[in-house]
Protein backbone atom coordinates (compact mmCIF):
# COMPACT_ATOMS: atom_id res chain seq x y z
CA MET A 1 -0.03 0.01 0.00
CA PHE A 2 1.25 3.50 -0.86
CA ASN A 3 2.32 5.58 2.10
CA PHE A 4 1.87 9.25 1.20
CA ALA A 5 3.56 10.60 4.37
CA LYS A 6 6.64 8.47 3.73
CA ALA A 7 6.80 9.52 0.05
CA LYS A 8 6.44 13.22 1.02
CA GLN A 9 9.26 12.93 3.64
CA GLN A 10 11.54 11.23 1.10
CA ALA A 11 10.83 13.97 -1.45
CA ARG A 12 11.42 16.70 1.11
CA SER A 13 14.73 15.14 2.20
CA HIS A 14 15.89 14.87 -1.39
CA LEU A 15 14.99 18.50 -2.01
CA HIS A 16 16.86 19.71 1.11
CA SER A 17 20.01 17.80 0.11
CA ILE A 18 19.89 19.26 -3.42
CA LEU A 19 19.37 22.85 -2.22
CA ALA A 20 21.87 22.72 0.67
CA VAL A 21 24.91 24.94 0.23
CA PRO A 22 28.23 25.27 2.11
CA ALA A 23 27.92 27.17 5.40
CA VAL A 24 29.78 27.63 8.70
CA TYR A 25 28.02 26.87 11.98
CA THR A 26 29.34 28.81 15.00
CA ARG A 27 28.60 27.57 18.47
CA MET A 28 28.19 30.57 20.76
CA SER A 29 29.20 28.76 23.97
CA ASP A 30 32.82 28.43 22.83
CA SER A 31 32.95 30.19 19.41
CA LYS A 32 33.93 26.86 17.72
CA GLU A 33 33.19 26.78 14.02
CA PHE A 34 31.97 23.77 12.02
CA PRO A 35 31.91 23.70 8.21
CA LEU A 36 28.75 22.01 6.90
CA THR A 37 26.07 22.14 4.28
CA ALA A 38 22.64 23.47 5.12
CA ARG A 39 19.59 24.92 3.42
CA LEU A 40 18.49 28.52 4.00
CA HIS A 41 14.71 28.41 3.44
CA ARG A 42 11.98 31.05 3.59
CA LYS A 43 8.63 29.53 4.42
CA ILE A 44 5.69 31.61 3.22
CA GLU A 45 2.18 30.91 4.44
CA THR A 46 -1.11 32.62 3.62
CA ILE A 47 -3.46 32.79 6.59
CA GLY A 48 -7.19 33.54 6.64
CA GLY A 49 -9.61 35.18 4.30
CA ASP A 50 -11.13 34.04 1.06
CA GLU A 51 -10.30 35.45 -2.35
CA GLY A 52 -7.64 37.77 -1.02
CA PHE A 53 -9.80 39.57 1.59
CA GLY A 54 -8.48 39.60 5.16
CA GLN A 55 -5.43 37.51 4.29
CA MET A 56 -2.13 37.77 5.99
CA ILE A 57 1.14 36.57 4.51
CA ALA A 58 3.47 35.11 7.10
CA GLU A 59 7.19 34.70 6.21
CA GLU A 60 9.48 32.59 8.33
CA ASP A 61 13.21 32.20 7.79
CA ARG A 62 14.51 28.72 8.47
CA VAL A 63 17.72 26.70 8.25
CA VAL A 64 17.54 23.04 7.48
CA PHE A 65 20.45 20.93 8.73
CA LEU A 66 21.19 17.54 7.14
CA ALA A 67 21.56 14.42 9.29
CA VAL A 68 25.21 14.02 8.37
CA ASP A 69 26.00 17.23 10.32
CA LEU A 70 23.53 16.92 13.20
CA GLU A 71 25.74 14.77 15.44
CA ALA A 72 28.60 17.24 15.35
CA ILE A 73 26.60 20.44 15.90
CA GLY A 74 23.39 19.74 17.83
CA PRO A 75 21.75 23.06 17.00
CA VAL A 76 21.16 25.38 19.97
CA THR A 77 19.30 28.65 20.32
CA GLY A 78 21.67 31.56 19.89
CA ASP A 79 24.15 29.78 17.65
CA THR A 80 24.71 31.14 14.14
CA VAL A 81 25.11 29.85 10.61
CA PHE A 82 26.96 31.90 7.99
CA PHE A 83 26.09 31.34 4.33
CA ALA A 84 28.94 32.79 2.28
CA ASP A 85 27.09 32.48 -1.06
CA GLU A 86 24.23 34.57 0.20
CA LYS A 87 26.45 36.72 2.46
CA VAL A 88 24.05 36.31 5.34
CA THR A 89 24.22 35.13 8.92
CA ALA A 90 21.25 33.32 10.48
CA MET A 91 20.88 33.25 14.26
CA ILE A 92 18.91 30.31 15.62
CA GLU A 93 15.79 31.40 17.51
CA THR A 94 14.05 28.06 17.96
CA VAL A 95 14.99 24.43 17.30
CA GLU A 96 12.24 22.18 16.00
CA PRO A 97 12.19 18.47 16.93
CA ALA A 98 14.39 16.51 14.53
CA GLN A 99 12.61 14.77 11.63
CA LEU A 100 15.50 12.66 10.45
CA PRO A 101 17.26 12.85 8.09
CA SER A 102 17.06 16.58 8.74
CA GLN A 103 16.33 19.15 11.41
CA THR A 104 14.82 22.60 11.00
CA CYS A 105 15.51 25.71 13.03
CA ASN A 106 13.66 28.97 12.89
CA VAL A 107 16.16 31.83 12.50
CA SER A 108 16.51 35.57 12.24
CA LEU A 109 18.75 36.93 9.55
CA GLU A 110 21.53 39.40 10.39
């Protein structure tokens, strides 16, 4: 029997690995840096209203870490990730529960 949830997770994992770029994770507790690959992702959600009336657009910046890097870093609130290609630093605000093979953190961009 086809498992839609499993297929969706596999597709999402494949997409994250394709769109991941080189980055540097900095642990704030000791300023140690870890080179890794991660995906900088802007999630956009439309909330409320029909046909454009009373709608609100919510944007949320996120970083998706791949499983291969999770053991070394263990994302923590306050740590940062620098994406050289985009010339942007993301500070971790909240860490979502891991959904292996990836983990998502909500971030603010500096």
